[in-house]
């Protein structure tokens, strides 16, 4: 397995797993800190913006390669 193949595999498989784990951590943090509905929504919105940025980077990279 080359380094390029490993990188593509890790981005397509391991990063979504890491994102799922981060969602769990944020949910647990919101629950334990009793953030309420608004605070929980803000926490997930900020995490969602980070995920959207990562996804946008992948889409832009795909368009540049084509």
PDB file of N, CA and C in Angstrom:
ATOM      1  N   UNK A   1       0.853  -1.173   0.000  1.00  0.00           N
ATOM      2  CA  UNK A   1       0.000   0.000   0.000  1.00  0.00           C
ATOM      3  C   UNK A   1       0.902   1.240   0.000  1.00  0.00           C
ATOM      4  N   UNK A   2       0.641   2.114  -0.934  1.00  0.00           N
ATOM      5  CA  UNK A   2       1.436   3.337  -1.009  1.00  0.00           C
ATOM      6  C   UNK A   2       0.917   4.366  -0.018  1.00  0.00           C
ATOM      7  N   UNK A   3       1.693   5.407   0.170  1.00  0.00           N
ATOM      8  CA  UNK A   3       1.310   6.466   1.094  1.00  0.00           C
ATOM      9  C   UNK A   3       0.063   7.194   0.601  1.00  0.00           C
ATOM     10  N   UNK A   4      -0.055   7.369  -0.706  1.00  0.00           N
ATOM     11  CA  UNK A   4      -1.229   8.042  -1.280  1.00  0.00           C
ATOM     12  C   UNK A   4      -2.491   7.212  -1.066  1.00  0.00           C
ATOM     13  N   UNK A   5      -2.380   5.902  -1.238  1.00  0.00           N
ATOM     14  CA  UNK A   5      -3.534   5.028  -1.016  1.00  0.00           C
ATOM     15  C   UNK A   5      -3.943   5.047   0.451  1.00  0.00           C
ATOM     16  N   UNK A   6      -2.956   5.027   1.338  1.00  0.00           N
ATOM     17  CA  UNK A   6      -3.260   5.070   2.765  1.00  0.00           C
ATOM     18  C   UNK A   6      -3.936   6.379   3.139  1.00  0.00           C
ATOM     19  N   UNK A   7      -3.471   7.486   2.567  1.00  0.00           N
ATOM     20  CA  UNK A   7      -4.071   8.792   2.855  1.00  0.00           C
ATOM     21  C   UNK A   7      -5.524   8.836   2.408  1.00  0.00           C
ATOM     22  N   UNK A   8      -5.802   8.367   1.212  1.00  0.00           N
ATOM     23  CA  UNK A   8      -7.180   8.358   0.713  1.00  0.00           C
ATOM     24  C   UNK A   8      -8.069   7.455   1.569  1.00  0.00           C
ATOM     25  N   UNK A   9      -7.545   6.309   1.964  1.00  0.00           N
ATOM     26  CA  UNK A   9      -8.307   5.378   2.798  1.00  0.00           C
ATOM     27  C   UNK A   9      -8.608   5.991   4.157  1.00  0.00           C
ATOM     28  N   UNK A  10      -7.606   6.631   4.747  1.00  0.00           N
ATOM     29  CA  UNK A  10      -7.821   7.208   6.068  1.00  0.00           C
ATOM     30  C   UNK A  10      -8.787   8.382   6.007  1.00  0.00           C
ATOM     31  N   UNK A  11      -8.717   9.180   4.946  1.00  0.00           N
ATOM     32  CA  UNK A  11      -9.645  10.311   4.831  1.00  0.00           C
ATOM     33  C   UNK A  11     -11.071   9.819   4.629  1.00  0.00           C
ATOM     34  N   UNK A  12     -11.247   8.768   3.840  1.00  0.00           N
ATOM     35  CA  UNK A  12     -12.602   8.307   3.543  1.00  0.00           C
ATOM     36  C   UNK A  12     -13.195   7.436   4.647  1.00  0.00           C
ATOM     37  N   UNK A  13     -12.370   6.802   5.476  1.00  0.00           N
ATOM     38  CA  UNK A  13     -12.903   5.908   6.507  1.00  0.00           C
ATOM     39  C   UNK A  13     -12.701   6.417   7.933  1.00  0.00           C
ATOM     40  N   UNK A  14     -11.523   6.886   8.243  1.00  0.00           N
ATOM     41  CA  UNK A  14     -11.228   7.247   9.622  1.00  0.00           C
ATOM     42  C   UNK A  14     -11.757   8.617  10.010  1.00  0.00           C
ATOM     43  N   UNK A  15     -11.753   9.566   9.101  1.00  0.00           N
ATOM     44  CA  UNK A  15     -12.237  10.906   9.432  1.00  0.00           C
ATOM     45  C   UNK A  15     -13.737  10.903   9.756  1.00  0.00           C
ATOM     46  N   UNK A  16     -14.593  10.208   8.993  1.00  0.00           N
ATOM     47  CA  UNK A  16     -16.004  10.153   9.411  1.00  0.00           C
ATOM     48  C   UNK A  16     -16.194   9.510  10.795  1.00  0.00           C
ATOM     49  N   UNK A  17     -15.366   8.532  11.110  1.00  0.00           N
ATOM     50  CA  UNK A  17     -15.423   7.942  12.449  1.00  0.00           C
ATOM     51  C   UNK A  17     -15.034   8.952  13.513  1.00  0.00           C
ATOM     52  N   UNK A  18     -14.017   9.752  13.236  1.00  0.00           N
ATOM     53  CA  UNK A  18     -13.600  10.792  14.160  1.00  0.00           C
ATOM     54  C   UNK A  18     -14.685  11.851  14.314  1.00  0.00           C
ATOM     55  N   UNK A  19     -15.348  12.206  13.232  1.00  0.00           N
ATOM     56  CA  UNK A  19     -16.437  13.179  13.298  1.00  0.00           C
ATOM     57  C   UNK A  19     -17.580  12.637  14.154  1.00  0.00           C
ATOM     58  N   UNK A  20     -17.911  11.364  13.972  1.00  0.00           N
ATOM     59  CA  UNK A  20     -18.944  10.753  14.804  1.00  0.00           C
ATOM     60  C   UNK A  20     -18.585  10.771  16.278  1.00  0.00           C
ATOM     61  N   UNK A  21     -17.314  10.506  16.571  1.00  0.00           N
ATOM     62  CA  UNK A  21     -16.850  10.530  17.956  1.00  0.00           C
ATOM     63  C   UNK A  21     -16.928  11.942  18.525  1.00  0.00           C
ATOM     64  N   UNK A  22     -16.590  12.946  17.714  1.00  0.00           N
ATOM     65  CA  UNK A  22     -16.690  14.333  18.169  1.00  0.00           C
ATOM     66  C   UNK A  22     -18.141  14.716  18.440  1.00  0.00           C
ATOM     67  N   UNK A  23     -19.073  14.224  17.608  1.00  0.00           N
ATOM     68  CA  UNK A  23     -20.498  14.488  17.862  1.00  0.00           C
ATOM     69  C   UNK A  23     -20.913  13.915  19.207  1.00  0.00           C
ATOM     70  N   UNK A  24     -20.440  12.708  19.516  1.00  0.00           N
ATOM     71  CA  UNK A  24     -20.745  12.094  20.805  1.00  0.00           C
ATOM     72  C   UNK A  24     -20.176  12.914  21.955  1.00  0.00           C
ATOM     73  N   UNK A  25     -18.940  13.391  21.797  1.00  0.00           N
ATOM     74  CA  UNK A  25     -18.311  14.185  22.854  1.00  0.00           C
ATOM     75  C   UNK A  25     -19.071  15.481  23.080  1.00  0.00           C
ATOM     76  N   UNK A  26     -19.479  16.155  22.005  1.00  0.00           N
ATOM     77  CA  UNK A  26     -20.214  17.412  22.145  1.00  0.00           C
ATOM     78  C   UNK A  26     -21.570  17.161  22.794  1.00  0.00           C
ATOM     79  N   UNK A  27     -22.236  16.082  22.407  1.00  0.00           N
ATOM     80  CA  UNK A  27     -23.533  15.760  23.019  1.00  0.00           C
ATOM     81  C   UNK A  27     -23.359  15.493  24.516  1.00  0.00           C
ATOM     82  N   UNK A  28     -22.325  14.744  24.876  1.00  0.00           N
ATOM     83  CA  UNK A  28     -22.078  14.443  26.284  1.00  0.00           C
ATOM     84  C   UNK A  28     -21.717  15.713  27.050  1.00  0.00           C
ATOM     85  N   UNK A  29     -20.912  16.587  26.443  1.00  0.00           N
ATOM     86  CA  UNK A  29     -20.548  17.849  27.073  1.00  0.00           C
ATOM     87  C   UNK A  29     -21.782  18.720  27.307  1.00  0.00           C
ATOM     88  N   UNK A  30     -22.654  18.795  26.325  1.00  0.00           N
ATOM     89  CA  UNK A  30     -23.867  19.605  26.464  1.00  0.00           C
ATOM     90  C   UNK A  30     -24.779  19.042  27.549  1.00  0.00           C
ATOM     91  N   UNK A  31     -24.851  17.724  27.616  1.00  0.00           N
ATOM     92  CA  UNK A  31     -25.709  17.100  28.625  1.00  0.00           C
ATOM     93  C   UNK A  31     -25.159  17.312  30.027  1.00  0.00           C
ATOM     94  N   UNK A  32     -23.846  17.107  30.209  1.00  0.00           N
ATOM     95  CA  UNK A  32     -23.259  17.224  31.539  1.00  0.00           C
ATOM     96  C   UNK A  32     -23.196  18.661  32.039  1.00  0.00           C
ATOM     97  N   UNK A  33     -23.050  19.625  31.116  1.00  0.00           N
ATOM     98  CA  UNK A  33     -22.978  21.022  31.525  1.00  0.00           C
ATOM     99  C   UNK A  33     -24.356  21.662  31.615  1.00  0.00           C
ATOM    100  N   UNK A  34     -25.391  20.905  31.303  1.00  0.00           N
ATOM    101  CA  UNK A  34     -26.768  21.381  31.312  1.00  0.00           C
ATOM    102  C   UNK A  34     -26.885  22.661  30.481  1.00  0.00           C
ATOM    103  N   UNK A  35     -26.422  22.579  29.245  1.00  0.00           N
ATOM    104  CA  UNK A  35     -26.361  23.743  28.363  1.00  0.00           C
ATOM    105  C   UNK A  35     -27.739  24.210  27.921  1.00  0.00           C
ATOM    106  N   UNK A  36     -28.733  23.376  27.988  1.00  0.00           N
ATOM    107  CA  UNK A  36     -30.055  23.770  27.516  1.00  0.00           C
ATOM    108  C   UNK A  36     -30.143  23.596  26.006  1.00  0.00           C
ATOM    109  N   UNK A  37     -31.330  23.864  25.480  1.00  0.00           N
ATOM    110  CA  UNK A  37     -31.553  23.669  24.045  1.00  0.00           C
ATOM    111  C   UNK A  37     -30.730  24.635  23.201  1.00  0.00           C
ATOM    112  N   UNK A  38     -30.700  25.901  23.599  1.00  0.00           N
ATOM    113  CA  UNK A  38     -29.974  26.894  22.815  1.00  0.00           C
ATOM    114  C   UNK A  38     -28.470  26.642  22.845  1.00  0.00           C
ATOM    115  N   UNK A  39     -27.932  26.353  24.014  1.00  0.00           N
ATOM    116  CA  UNK A  39     -26.504  26.085  24.141  1.00  0.00           C
ATOM    117  C   UNK A  39     -26.096  24.840  23.370  1.00  0.00           C
ATOM    118  N   UNK A  40     -26.932  23.813  23.432  1.00  0.00           N
ATOM    119  CA  UNK A  40     -26.648  22.588  22.681  1.00  0.00           C
ATOM    120  C   UNK A  40     -26.677  22.859  21.190  1.00  0.00           C
ATOM    121  N   UNK A  41     -27.641  23.659  20.751  1.00  0.00           N
ATOM    122  CA  UNK A  41     -27.730  23.994  19.330  1.00  0.00           C
ATOM    123  C   UNK A  41     -26.491  24.763  18.876  1.00  0.00           C
ATOM    124  N   UNK A  42     -26.009  25.687  19.704  1.00  0.00           N
ATOM    125  CA  UNK A  42     -24.802  26.446  19.362  1.00  0.00           C
ATOM    126  C   UNK A  42     -23.601  25.517  19.282  1.00  0.00           C
ATOM    127  N   UNK A  43     -23.456  24.614  20.229  1.00  0.00           N
ATOM    128  CA  UNK A  43     -22.334  23.668  20.205  1.00  0.00           C
ATOM    129  C   UNK A  43     -22.348  22.832  18.928  1.00  0.00           C
ATOM    130  N   UNK A  44     -23.508  22.319  18.574  1.00  0.00           N
ATOM    131  CA  UNK A  44     -23.591  21.489  17.374  1.00  0.00           C
ATOM    132  C   UNK A  44     -23.452  22.324  16.102  1.00  0.00           C
ATOM    133  N   UNK A  45     -23.884  23.579  16.134  1.00  0.00           N
ATOM    134  CA  UNK A  45     -23.737  24.434  14.965  1.00  0.00           C
ATOM    135  C   UNK A  45     -22.253  24.714  14.690  1.00  0.00           C
ATOM    136  N   UNK A  46     -21.492  24.980  15.737  1.00  0.00           N
ATOM    137  CA  UNK A  46     -20.068  25.240  15.571  1.00  0.00           C
ATOM    138  C   UNK A  46     -19.359  23.993  15.060  1.00  0.00           C
ATOM    139  N   UNK A  47     -19.678  22.834  15.625  1.00  0.00           N
ATOM    140  CA  UNK A  47     -19.083  21.595  15.137  1.00  0.00           C
ATOM    141  C   UNK A  47     -19.523  21.327  13.705  1.00  0.00           C
ATOM    142  N   UNK A  48     -20.765  21.630  13.386  1.00  0.00           N
ATOM    143  CA  UNK A  48     -21.275  21.435  12.030  1.00  0.00           C
ATOM    144  C   UNK A  48     -20.562  22.316  11.016  1.00  0.00           C
ATOM    145  N   UNK A  49     -20.205  23.538  11.413  1.00  0.00           N
ATOM    146  CA  UNK A  49     -19.457  24.413  10.514  1.00  0.00           C
ATOM    147  C   UNK A  49     -18.076  23.836  10.225  1.00  0.00           C
ATOM    148  N   UNK A  50     -17.455  23.242  11.229  1.00  0.00           N
ATOM    149  CA  UNK A  50     -16.162  22.606  11.007  1.00  0.00           C
ATOM    150  C   UNK A  50     -16.273  21.423  10.069  1.00  0.00           C
ATOM    151  N   UNK A  51     -17.311  20.637  10.242  1.00  0.00           N
ATOM    152  CA  UNK A  51     -17.542  19.484   9.362  1.00  0.00           C
ATOM    153  C   UNK A  51     -17.850  19.956   7.950  1.00  0.00           C
ATOM    154  N   UNK A  52     -18.639  21.015   7.833  1.00  0.00           N
ATOM    155  CA  UNK A  52     -18.964  21.558   6.512  1.00  0.00           C
ATOM    156  C   UNK A  52     -17.706  22.076   5.818  1.00  0.00           C
ATOM    157  N   UNK A  53     -16.804  22.675   6.574  1.00  0.00           N
ATOM    158  CA  UNK A  53     -15.548  23.143   5.995  1.00  0.00           C
ATOM    159  C   UNK A  53     -14.709  21.996   5.480  1.00  0.00           C
ATOM    160  N   UNK A  54     -14.668  20.908   6.236  1.00  0.00           N
ATOM    161  CA  UNK A  54     -13.919  19.731   5.801  1.00  0.00           C
ATOM    162  C   UNK A  54     -14.546  19.152   4.536  1.00  0.00           C
ATOM    163  N   UNK A  55     -15.864  19.058   4.500  1.00  0.00           N
ATOM    164  CA  UNK A  55     -16.550  18.521   3.322  1.00  0.00           C
ATOM    165  C   UNK A  55     -16.350  19.437   2.114  1.00  0.00           C
ATOM    166  N   UNK A  56     -16.395  20.750   2.334  1.00  0.00           N
ATOM    167  CA  UNK A  56     -16.196  21.692   1.232  1.00  0.00           C
ATOM    168  C   UNK A  56     -14.790  21.548   0.662  1.00  0.00           C
ATOM    169  N   UNK A  57     -13.817  21.313   1.531  1.00  0.00           N
ATOM    170  CA  UNK A  57     -12.442  21.130   1.059  1.00  0.00           C
ATOM    171  C   UNK A  57     -12.348  19.918   0.139  1.00  0.00           C
ATOM    172  N   UNK A  58     -13.039  18.843   0.497  1.00  0.00           N
ATOM    173  CA  UNK A  58     -13.010  17.637  -0.327  1.00  0.00           C
ATOM    174  C   UNK A  58     -13.702  17.877  -1.675  1.00  0.00           C
ATOM    175  N   UNK A  59     -14.816  18.604  -1.658  1.00  0.00           N
ATOM    176  CA  UNK A  59     -15.552  18.882  -2.895  1.00  0.00           C
ATOM    177  C   UNK A  59     -14.733  19.796  -3.804  1.00  0.00           C
ATOM    178  N   UNK A  60     -14.118  20.817  -3.234  1.00  0.00           N
ATOM    179  CA  UNK A  60     -13.287  21.730  -4.025  1.00  0.00           C
ATOM    180  C   UNK A  60     -12.106  20.973  -4.621  1.00  0.00           C
ATOM    181  N   UNK A  61     -11.512  20.097  -3.845  1.00  0.00           N
ATOM    182  CA  UNK A  61     -10.395  19.292  -4.338  1.00  0.00           C
ATOM    183  C   UNK A  61     -10.846  18.412  -5.500  1.00  0.00           C
ATOM    184  N   UNK A  62     -12.046  17.866  -5.411  1.00  0.00           N
ATOM    185  CA  UNK A  62     -12.578  17.029  -6.485  1.00  0.00           C
ATOM    186  C   UNK A  62     -12.782  17.842  -7.757  1.00  0.00           C
ATOM    187  N   UNK A  63     -13.319  19.071  -7.640  1.00  0.00           N
ATOM    188  CA  UNK A  63     -13.529  19.918  -8.802  1.00  0.00           C
ATOM    189  C   UNK A  63     -12.213  20.363  -9.428  1.00  0.00           C
ATOM    190  N   UNK A  64     -11.214  20.629  -8.624  1.00  0.00           N
ATOM    191  CA  UNK A  64      -9.925  21.047  -9.152  1.00  0.00           C
ATOM    192  C   UNK A  64      -9.257  19.915  -9.923  1.00  0.00           C
ATOM    193  N   UNK A  65      -9.402  18.686  -9.449  1.00  0.00           N
ATOM    194  CA  UNK A  65      -8.794  17.544 -10.126  1.00  0.00           C
ATOM    195  C   UNK A  65      -9.457  17.244 -11.462  1.00  0.00           C
ATOM    196  N   UNK A  66     -10.744  17.574 -11.607  1.00  0.00           N
ATOM    197  CA  UNK A  66     -11.467  17.322 -12.853  1.00  0.00           C
ATOM    198  C   UNK A  66     -11.204  18.449 -13.785  1.00  0.00           C
TER     199      UNK A  66
END
